[in-house]
Amino acid sequence: MPRTRTAASPTVETKPPSKTRGSAAVPTERKRTPVRRKPATPAAAVMEFDVAEHYDEIAASAYLNFLARDGSPGSSEDDWILAETTVRSKYGA
């Protein structure tokens, strides 16, 4: 039996055609622009901690750490690092 060809059904578009602007196609639906959030603190207000400016305060705190140790094992480097961390946290840096 010979095959017969049937006519194709017409194509139906489900979404509207996109508008054209110049030669590029622009979709009809617009995308939302992401919200730009402001930083919590302005960049000018953030300052770096300068050890040289707080040297005397760190040295005094290290000496107090040495006295608080009262002969228990430890080193002056540990006292200094603890003092620097304490002073740094005091100034929020």
PDB file of N, CA and C in Angstrom:
ATOM      1  N   MET A   1       0.828  -1.155   0.000  1.00  0.00           N
ATOM      2  CA  MET A   1       0.000   0.000   0.000  1.00  0.00           C
ATOM      3  C   MET A   1       0.894   1.247   0.000  1.00  0.00           C
ATOM      4  N   PRO A   2       0.635   2.170  -0.895  1.00  0.00           N
ATOM      5  CA  PRO A   2       1.483   3.365  -0.976  1.00  0.00           C
ATOM      6  C   PRO A   2       1.191   4.328   0.170  1.00  0.00           C
ATOM      7  N   ARG A   3       2.227   5.029   0.599  1.00  0.00           N
ATOM      8  CA  ARG A   3       2.084   6.032   1.665  1.00  0.00           C
ATOM      9  C   ARG A   3       1.581   7.333   1.090  1.00  0.00           C
ATOM     10  N   THR A   4       0.738   7.966   1.844  1.00  0.00           N
ATOM     11  CA  THR A   4       0.258   9.276   1.417  1.00  0.00           C
ATOM     12  C   THR A   4       0.701  10.310   2.441  1.00  0.00           C
ATOM     13  N   ARG A   5       0.975  11.467   1.973  1.00  0.00           N
ATOM     14  CA  ARG A   5       1.433  12.534   2.853  1.00  0.00           C
ATOM     15  C   ARG A   5       0.236  13.357   3.304  1.00  0.00           C
ATOM     16  N   THR A   6       0.189  13.631   4.618  1.00  0.00           N
ATOM     17  CA  THR A   6      -0.900  14.445   5.144  1.00  0.00           C
ATOM     18  C   THR A   6      -0.383  15.863   5.375  1.00  0.00           C
ATOM     19  N   ALA A   7      -1.267  16.812   5.308  1.00  0.00           N
ATOM     20  CA  ALA A   7      -0.887  18.204   5.514  1.00  0.00           C
ATOM     21  C   ALA A   7      -0.561  18.425   6.988  1.00  0.00           C
ATOM     22  N   ALA A   8       0.485  19.198   7.236  1.00  0.00           N
ATOM     23  CA  ALA A   8       0.881  19.512   8.615  1.00  0.00           C
ATOM     24  C   ALA A   8      -0.085  20.511   9.214  1.00  0.00           C
ATOM     25  N   SER A   9      -0.321  20.373  10.512  1.00  0.00           N
ATOM     26  CA  SER A   9      -1.217  21.316  11.173  1.00  0.00           C
ATOM     27  C   SER A   9      -0.501  22.661  11.334  1.00  0.00           C
ATOM     28  N   PRO A  10      -1.254  23.768  11.349  1.00  0.00           N
ATOM     29  CA  PRO A  10      -0.610  25.075  11.459  1.00  0.00           C
ATOM     30  C   PRO A  10       0.069  25.250  12.818  1.00  0.00           C
ATOM     31  N   THR A  11       1.173  25.981  12.840  1.00  0.00           N
ATOM     32  CA  THR A  11       1.926  26.231  14.065  1.00  0.00           C
ATOM     33  C   THR A  11       1.283  27.381  14.819  1.00  0.00           C
ATOM     34  N   VAL A  12       1.095  27.183  16.122  1.00  0.00           N
ATOM     35  CA  VAL A  12       0.490  28.218  16.953  1.00  0.00           C
ATOM     36  C   VAL A  12       1.535  28.664  17.970  1.00  0.00           C
ATOM     37  N   GLU A  13       1.819  29.972  18.016  1.00  0.00           N
ATOM     38  CA  GLU A  13       2.777  30.493  18.989  1.00  0.00           C
ATOM     39  C   GLU A  13       2.063  30.737  20.301  1.00  0.00           C
ATOM     40  N   THR A  14       2.731  30.382  21.405  1.00  0.00           N
ATOM     41  CA  THR A  14       2.123  30.544  22.716  1.00  0.00           C
ATOM     42  C   THR A  14       2.526  31.838  23.401  1.00  0.00           C
ATOM     43  N   LYS A  15       3.630  32.462  23.003  1.00  0.00           N
ATOM     44  CA  LYS A  15       4.022  33.716  23.623  1.00  0.00           C
ATOM     45  C   LYS A  15       4.142  34.781  22.541  1.00  0.00           C
ATOM     46  N   PRO A  16       3.928  36.044  22.887  1.00  0.00           N
ATOM     47  CA  PRO A  16       3.954  37.099  21.881  1.00  0.00           C
ATOM     48  C   PRO A  16       5.356  37.290  21.328  1.00  0.00           C
ATOM     49  N   PRO A  17       5.463  37.730  20.091  1.00  0.00           N
ATOM     50  CA  PRO A  17       6.790  37.946  19.522  1.00  0.00           C
ATOM     51  C   PRO A  17       7.488  39.092  20.239  1.00  0.00           C
ATOM     52  N   SER A  18       8.813  39.041  20.253  1.00  0.00           N
ATOM     53  CA  SER A  18       9.571  40.087  20.938  1.00  0.00           C
ATOM     54  C   SER A  18       9.626  41.343  20.073  1.00  0.00           C
ATOM     55  N   LYS A  19       9.695  42.470  20.749  1.00  0.00           N
ATOM     56  CA  LYS A  19       9.795  43.744  20.034  1.00  0.00           C
ATOM     57  C   LYS A  19      11.227  43.902  19.548  1.00  0.00           C
ATOM     58  N   THR A  20      11.392  44.567  18.476  1.00  0.00           N
ATOM     59  CA  THR A  20      12.740  44.781  17.967  1.00  0.00           C
ATOM     60  C   THR A  20      13.108  46.243  18.118  1.00  0.00           C
ATOM     61  N   ARG A  21      14.329  46.465  18.493  1.00  0.00           N
ATOM     62  CA  ARG A  21      14.863  47.807  18.618  1.00  0.00           C
ATOM     63  C   ARG A  21      16.162  47.805  17.815  1.00  0.00           C
ATOM     64  N   GLY A  22      16.143  48.452  16.690  1.00  0.00           N
ATOM     65  CA  GLY A  22      17.298  48.386  15.801  1.00  0.00           C
ATOM     66  C   GLY A  22      17.362  47.012  15.187  1.00  0.00           C
ATOM     67  N   SER A  23      18.513  46.367  15.312  1.00  0.00           N
ATOM     68  CA  SER A  23      18.641  45.027  14.747  1.00  0.00           C
ATOM     69  C   SER A  23      18.579  43.944  15.814  1.00  0.00           C
ATOM     70  N   ALA A  24      18.646  44.334  17.115  1.00  0.00           N
ATOM     71  CA  ALA A  24      18.621  43.340  18.183  1.00  0.00           C
ATOM     72  C   ALA A  24      17.203  43.172  18.708  1.00  0.00           C
ATOM     73  N   ALA A  25      16.859  41.938  19.050  1.00  0.00           N
ATOM     74  CA  ALA A  25      15.536  41.665  19.598  1.00  0.00           C
ATOM     75  C   ALA A  25      15.538  41.954  21.090  1.00  0.00           C
ATOM     76  N   VAL A  26      14.504  42.628  21.585  1.00  0.00           N
ATOM     77  CA  VAL A  26      14.368  42.951  22.998  1.00  0.00           C
ATOM     78  C   VAL A  26      13.190  42.163  23.536  1.00  0.00           C
ATOM     79  N   PRO A  27      13.387  41.372  24.584  1.00  0.00           N
ATOM     80  CA  PRO A  27      12.269  40.597  25.109  1.00  0.00           C
ATOM     81  C   PRO A  27      11.198  41.517  25.689  1.00  0.00           C
ATOM     82  N   THR A  28       9.952  41.054  25.649  1.00  0.00           N
ATOM     83  CA  THR A  28       8.853  41.882  26.143  1.00  0.00           C
ATOM     84  C   THR A  28       8.831  41.932  27.656  1.00  0.00           C
ATOM     85  N   GLU A  29       9.323  40.913  28.339  1.00  0.00           N
ATOM     86  CA  GLU A  29       9.363  40.912  29.794  1.00  0.00           C
ATOM     87  C   GLU A  29      10.648  41.576  30.253  1.00  0.00           C
ATOM     88  N   ARG A  30      10.543  42.466  31.219  1.00  0.00           N
ATOM     89  CA  ARG A  30      11.716  43.160  31.745  1.00  0.00           C
ATOM     90  C   ARG A  30      12.259  42.416  32.958  1.00  0.00           C
ATOM     91  N   LYS A  31      13.564  42.365  33.053  1.00  0.00           N
ATOM     92  CA  LYS A  31      14.197  41.767  34.218  1.00  0.00           C
ATOM     93  C   LYS A  31      14.375  42.842  35.275  1.00  0.00           C
ATOM     94  N   ARG A  32      14.257  42.446  36.525  1.00  0.00           N
ATOM     95  CA  ARG A  32      14.410  43.406  37.611  1.00  0.00           C
ATOM     96  C   ARG A  32      15.887  43.635  37.887  1.00  0.00           C
ATOM     97  N   THR A  33      16.230  44.860  38.131  1.00  0.00           N
ATOM     98  CA  THR A  33      17.598  45.218  38.467  1.00  0.00           C
ATOM     99  C   THR A  33      17.860  44.851  39.922  1.00  0.00           C
ATOM    100  N   PRO A  34      19.012  44.232  40.227  1.00  0.00           N
ATOM    101  CA  PRO A  34      19.291  43.892  41.614  1.00  0.00           C
ATOM    102  C   PRO A  34      19.421  45.152  42.474  1.00  0.00           C
ATOM    103  N   VAL A  35      19.041  45.035  43.725  1.00  0.00           N
ATOM    104  CA  VAL A  35      19.087  46.161  44.649  1.00  0.00           C
ATOM    105  C   VAL A  35      20.529  46.381  45.085  1.00  0.00           C
ATOM    106  N   ARG A  36      20.986  47.612  45.016  1.00  0.00           N
ATOM    107  CA  ARG A  36      22.335  47.937  45.476  1.00  0.00           C
ATOM    108  C   ARG A  36      22.261  48.308  46.943  1.00  0.00           C
ATOM    109  N   ARG A  37      23.005  47.586  47.744  1.00  0.00           N
ATOM    110  CA  ARG A  37      23.001  47.842  49.177  1.00  0.00           C
ATOM    111  C   ARG A  37      24.211  48.699  49.541  1.00  0.00           C
ATOM    112  N   LYS A  38      23.996  49.643  50.448  1.00  0.00           N
ATOM    113  CA  LYS A  38      25.078  50.491  50.912  1.00  0.00           C
ATOM    114  C   LYS A  38      25.893  49.723  51.940  1.00  0.00           C
ATOM    115  N   PRO A  39      27.208  49.940  51.979  1.00  0.00           N
ATOM    116  CA  PRO A  39      28.021  49.272  52.988  1.00  0.00           C
ATOM    117  C   PRO A  39      27.632  49.736  54.394  1.00  0.00           C
ATOM    118  N   ALA A  40      27.845  48.873  55.365  1.00  0.00           N
ATOM    119  CA  ALA A  40      27.456  49.177  56.736  1.00  0.00           C
ATOM    120  C   ALA A  40      28.202  50.397  57.278  1.00  0.00           C
ATOM    121  N   THR A  41      29.495  50.470  56.988  1.00  0.00           N
ATOM    122  CA  THR A  41      30.277  51.625  57.430  1.00  0.00           C
ATOM    123  C   THR A  41      30.951  52.234  56.216  1.00  0.00           C
ATOM    124  N   PRO A  42      31.039  53.546  56.159  1.00  0.00           N
ATOM    125  CA  PRO A  42      31.718  54.172  55.027  1.00  0.00           C
ATOM    126  C   PRO A  42      33.201  53.807  55.025  1.00  0.00           C
ATOM    127  N   ALA A  43      33.781  53.753  53.852  1.00  0.00           N
ATOM    128  CA  ALA A  43      35.185  53.364  53.722  1.00  0.00           C
ATOM    129  C   ALA A  43      36.109  54.338  54.431  1.00  0.00           C
ATOM    130  N   ALA A  44      35.739  55.608  54.493  1.00  0.00           N
ATOM    131  CA  ALA A  44      36.586  56.604  55.136  1.00  0.00           C
ATOM    132  C   ALA A  44      36.647  56.393  56.647  1.00  0.00           C
ATOM    133  N   ALA A  45      35.610  55.811  57.256  1.00  0.00           N
ATOM    134  CA  ALA A  45      35.573  55.628  58.699  1.00  0.00           C
ATOM    135  C   ALA A  45      36.409  54.441  59.162  1.00  0.00           C
ATOM    136  N   VAL A  46      36.720  53.518  58.263  1.00  0.00           N
ATOM    137  CA  VAL A  46      37.498  52.343  58.622  1.00  0.00           C
ATOM    138  C   VAL A  46      38.973  52.707  58.601  1.00  0.00           C
ATOM    139  N   MET A  47      39.609  52.587  59.771  1.00  0.00           N
ATOM    140  CA  MET A  47      41.028  52.899  59.865  1.00  0.00           C
ATOM    141  C   MET A  47      41.783  51.641  60.262  1.00  0.00           C
ATOM    142  N   GLU A  48      42.995  51.516  59.783  1.00  0.00           N
ATOM    143  CA  GLU A  48      43.810  50.378  60.156  1.00  0.00           C
ATOM    144  C   GLU A  48      44.498  50.658  61.482  1.00  0.00           C
ATOM    145  N   PHE A  49      44.700  49.628  62.270  1.00  0.00           N
ATOM    146  CA  PHE A  49      45.354  49.759  63.561  1.00  0.00           C
ATOM    147  C   PHE A  49      46.849  49.907  63.330  1.00  0.00           C
ATOM    148  N   ASP A  50      47.428  50.933  63.923  1.00  0.00           N
ATOM    149  CA  ASP A  50      48.863  51.182  63.773  1.00  0.00           C
ATOM    150  C   ASP A  50      49.543  50.879  65.099  1.00  0.00           C
ATOM    151  N   VAL A  51      50.393  49.855  65.099  1.00  0.00           N
ATOM    152  CA  VAL A  51      51.078  49.430  66.314  1.00  0.00           C
ATOM    153  C   VAL A  51      52.016  50.529  66.807  1.00  0.00           C
ATOM    154  N   ALA A  52      52.647  51.256  65.895  1.00  0.00           N
ATOM    155  CA  ALA A  52      53.601  52.290  66.284  1.00  0.00           C
ATOM    156  C   ALA A  52      52.928  53.411  67.084  1.00  0.00           C
ATOM    157  N   GLU A  53      51.699  53.754  66.718  1.00  0.00           N
ATOM    158  CA  GLU A  53      50.993  54.819  67.434  1.00  0.00           C
ATOM    159  C   GLU A  53      50.592  54.397  68.838  1.00  0.00           C
ATOM    160  N   HIS A  54      50.398  53.119  69.066  1.00  0.00           N
ATOM    161  CA  HIS A  54      49.943  52.612  70.367  1.00  0.00           C
ATOM    162  C   HIS A  54      51.043  51.826  71.079  1.00  0.00           C
ATOM    163  N   TYR A  55      52.288  52.078  70.716  1.00  0.00           N
ATOM    164  CA  TYR A  55      53.411  51.308  71.263  1.00  0.00           C
ATOM    165  C   TYR A  55      53.457  51.397  72.784  1.00  0.00           C
ATOM    166  N   ASP A  56      53.363  52.603  73.337  1.00  0.00           N
ATOM    167  CA  ASP A  56      53.472  52.774  74.788  1.00  0.00           C
ATOM    168  C   ASP A  56      52.349  52.043  75.521  1.00  0.00           C
ATOM    169  N   GLU A  57      51.151  52.108  74.970  1.00  0.00           N
ATOM    170  CA  GLU A  57      50.014  51.434  75.598  1.00  0.00           C
ATOM    171  C   GLU A  57      50.175  49.915  75.537  1.00  0.00           C
ATOM    172  N   ILE A  58      50.682  49.417  74.419  1.00  0.00           N
ATOM    173  CA  ILE A  58      50.908  47.967  74.286  1.00  0.00           C
ATOM    174  C   ILE A  58      52.005  47.519  75.239  1.00  0.00           C
ATOM    175  N   ALA A  59      53.070  48.318  75.349  1.00  0.00           N
ATOM    176  CA  ALA A  59      54.176  47.974  76.248  1.00  0.00           C
ATOM    177  C   ALA A  59      53.700  47.921  77.702  1.00  0.00           C
ATOM    178  N   ALA A  60      52.878  48.887  78.111  1.00  0.00           N
ATOM    179  CA  ALA A  60      52.359  48.891  79.480  1.00  0.00           C
ATOM    180  C   ALA A  60      51.474  47.679  79.721  1.00  0.00           C
ATOM    181  N   SER A  61      50.645  47.337  78.736  1.00  0.00           N
ATOM    182  CA  SER A  61      49.773  46.176  78.874  1.00  0.00           C
ATOM    183  C   SER A  61      50.585  44.882  78.915  1.00  0.00           C
ATOM    184  N   ALA A  62      51.659  44.806  78.143  1.00  0.00           N
ATOM    185  CA  ALA A  62      52.530  43.623  78.158  1.00  0.00           C
ATOM    186  C   ALA A  62      53.207  43.475  79.519  1.00  0.00           C
ATOM    187  N   TYR A  63      53.608  44.582  80.106  1.00  0.00           N
ATOM    188  CA  TYR A  63      54.227  44.538  81.435  1.00  0.00           C
ATOM    189  C   TYR A  63      53.219  44.057  82.478  1.00  0.00           C
ATOM    190  N   LEU A  64      51.976  44.530  82.363  1.00  0.00           N
ATOM    191  CA  LEU A  64      50.947  44.059  83.286  1.00  0.00           C
ATOM    192  C   LEU A  64      50.670  42.569  83.100  1.00  0.00           C
ATOM    193  N   ASN A  65      50.753  42.099  81.861  1.00  0.00           N
ATOM    194  CA  ASN A  65      50.589  40.660  81.604  1.00  0.00           C
ATOM    195  C   ASN A  65      51.733  39.872  82.245  1.00  0.00           C
ATOM    196  N   PHE A  66      52.943  40.435  82.184  1.00  0.00           N
ATOM    197  CA  PHE A  66      54.111  39.800  82.803  1.00  0.00           C
ATOM    198  C   PHE A  66      53.919  39.711  84.324  1.00  0.00           C
ATOM    199  N   LEU A  67      53.443  40.812  84.926  1.00  0.00           N
ATOM    200  CA  LEU A  67      53.218  40.809  86.370  1.00  0.00           C
ATOM    201  C   LEU A  67      52.091  39.843  86.747  1.00  0.00           C
ATOM    202  N   ALA A  68      51.075  39.737  85.913  1.00  0.00           N
ATOM    203  CA  ALA A  68      49.951  38.834  86.193  1.00  0.00           C
ATOM    204  C   ALA A  68      50.379  37.372  86.107  1.00  0.00           C
ATOM    205  N   ARG A  69      51.391  37.105  85.281  1.00  0.00           N
ATOM    206  CA  ARG A  69      51.900  35.733  85.158  1.00  0.00           C
ATOM    207  C   ARG A  69      52.556  35.280  86.453  1.00  0.00           C
ATOM    208  N   ASP A  70      53.187  36.196  87.160  1.00  0.00           N
ATOM    209  CA  ASP A  70      53.766  35.953  88.483  1.00  0.00           C
ATOM    210  C   ASP A  70      54.683  34.732  88.522  1.00  0.00           C
ATOM    211  N   GLY A  71      55.611  34.672  87.597  1.00  0.00           N
ATOM    212  CA  GLY A  71      56.609  33.609  87.612  1.00  0.00           C
ATOM    213  C   GLY A  71      56.169  32.311  86.954  1.00  0.00           C
ATOM    214  N   SER A  72      54.949  32.231  86.483  1.00  0.00           N
ATOM    215  CA  SER A  72      54.551  31.005  85.796  1.00  0.00           C
ATOM    216  C   SER A  72      55.202  30.974  84.413  1.00  0.00           C
ATOM    217  N   PRO A  73      55.313  29.792  83.822  1.00  0.00           N
ATOM    218  CA  PRO A  73      55.983  29.692  82.513  1.00  0.00           C
ATOM    219  C   PRO A  73      55.298  30.552  81.455  1.00  0.00           C
ATOM    220  N   GLY A  74      56.104  31.144  80.616  1.00  0.00           N
ATOM    221  CA  GLY A  74      55.604  31.992  79.538  1.00  0.00           C
ATOM    222  C   GLY A  74      56.768  32.788  78.964  1.00  0.00           C
ATOM    223  N   SER A  75      56.477  33.567  77.962  1.00  0.00           N
ATOM    224  CA  SER A  75      57.552  34.358  77.362  1.00  0.00           C
ATOM    225  C   SER A  75      57.083  35.790  77.153  1.00  0.00           C
ATOM    226  N   SER A  76      58.066  36.657  76.952  1.00  0.00           N
ATOM    227  CA  SER A  76      57.741  38.071  76.724  1.00  0.00           C
ATOM    228  C   SER A  76      56.989  38.243  75.406  1.00  0.00           C
ATOM    229  N   GLU A  77      57.268  37.362  74.423  1.00  0.00           N
ATOM    230  CA  GLU A  77      56.553  37.431  73.144  1.00  0.00           C
ATOM    231  C   GLU A  77      55.063  37.137  73.340  1.00  0.00           C
ATOM    232  N   ASP A  78      54.757  36.151  74.183  1.00  0.00           N
ATOM    233  CA  ASP A  78      53.354  35.832  74.463  1.00  0.00           C
ATOM    234  C   ASP A  78      52.660  36.999  75.157  1.00  0.00           C
ATOM    235  N   ASP A  79      53.387  37.631  76.107  1.00  0.00           N
ATOM    236  CA  ASP A  79      52.833  38.801  76.800  1.00  0.00           C
ATOM    237  C   ASP A  79      52.550  39.927  75.807  1.00  0.00           C
ATOM    238  N   TRP A  80      53.483  40.141  74.875  1.00  0.00           N
ATOM    239  CA  TRP A  80      53.327  41.226  73.895  1.00  0.00           C
ATOM    240  C   TRP A  80      52.143  40.957  72.952  1.00  0.00           C
ATOM    241  N   ILE A  81      52.043  39.726  72.478  1.00  0.00           N
ATOM    242  CA  ILE A  81      50.949  39.386  71.556  1.00  0.00           C
ATOM    243  C   ILE A  81      49.600  39.535  72.252  1.00  0.00           C
ATOM    244  N   LEU A  82      49.507  39.099  73.492  1.00  0.00           N
ATOM    245  CA  LEU A  82      48.269  39.253  74.258  1.00  0.00           C
ATOM    246  C   LEU A  82      47.950  40.733  74.461  1.00  0.00           C
ATOM    247  N   ALA A  83      48.980  41.531  74.767  1.00  0.00           N
ATOM    248  CA  ALA A  83      48.785  42.973  74.974  1.00  0.00           C
ATOM    249  C   ALA A  83      48.339  43.640  73.681  1.00  0.00           C
ATOM    250  N   GLU A  84      48.955  43.268  72.568  1.00  0.00           N
ATOM    251  CA  GLU A  84      48.579  43.860  71.278  1.00  0.00           C
ATOM    252  C   GLU A  84      47.138  43.508  70.927  1.00  0.00           C
ATOM    253  N   THR A  85      46.728  42.275  71.176  1.00  0.00           N
ATOM    254  CA  THR A  85      45.356  41.856  70.911  1.00  0.00           C
ATOM    255  C   THR A  85      44.377  42.616  71.796  1.00  0.00           C
ATOM    256  N   THR A  86      44.752  42.832  73.052  1.00  0.00           N
ATOM    257  CA  THR A  86      43.894  43.565  73.981  1.00  0.00           C
ATOM    258  C   THR A  86      43.698  45.015  73.544  1.00  0.00           C
ATOM    259  N   VAL A  87      44.800  45.676  73.194  1.00  0.00           N
ATOM    260  CA  VAL A  87      44.726  47.074  72.773  1.00  0.00           C
ATOM    261  C   VAL A  87      43.985  47.191  71.444  1.00  0.00           C
ATOM    262  N   ARG A  88      44.226  46.268  70.552  1.00  0.00           N
ATOM    263  CA  ARG A  88      43.552  46.276  69.252  1.00  0.00           C
ATOM    264  C   ARG A  88      42.039  46.147  69.428  1.00  0.00           C
ATOM    265  N   SER A  89      41.595  45.261  70.326  1.00  0.00           N
ATOM    266  CA  SER A  89      40.160  45.102  70.548  1.00  0.00           C
ATOM    267  C   SER A  89      39.561  46.327  71.244  1.00  0.00           C
ATOM    268  N   LYS A  90      40.368  47.020  72.032  1.00  0.00           N
ATOM    269  CA  LYS A  90      39.909  48.212  72.724  1.00  0.00           C
ATOM    270  C   LYS A  90      39.528  49.320  71.741  1.00  0.00           C
ATOM    271  N   TYR A  91      40.252  49.383  70.625  1.00  0.00           N
ATOM    272  CA  TYR A  91      40.005  50.416  69.612  1.00  0.00           C
ATOM    273  C   TYR A  91      39.151  49.910  68.461  1.00  0.00           C
ATOM    274  N   GLY A  92      38.662  48.704  68.565  1.00  0.00           N
ATOM    275  CA  GLY A  92      37.746  48.162  67.557  1.00  0.00           C
ATOM    276  C   GLY A  92      38.397  47.882  66.225  1.00  0.00           C
ATOM    277  N   ALA A  93      39.665  47.625  66.205  1.00  0.00           N
ATOM    278  CA  ALA A  93      40.350  47.353  64.932  1.00  0.00           C
ATOM    279  C   ALA A  93      40.636  45.895  64.783  1.00  0.00           C
TER     280      ALA A  93
END
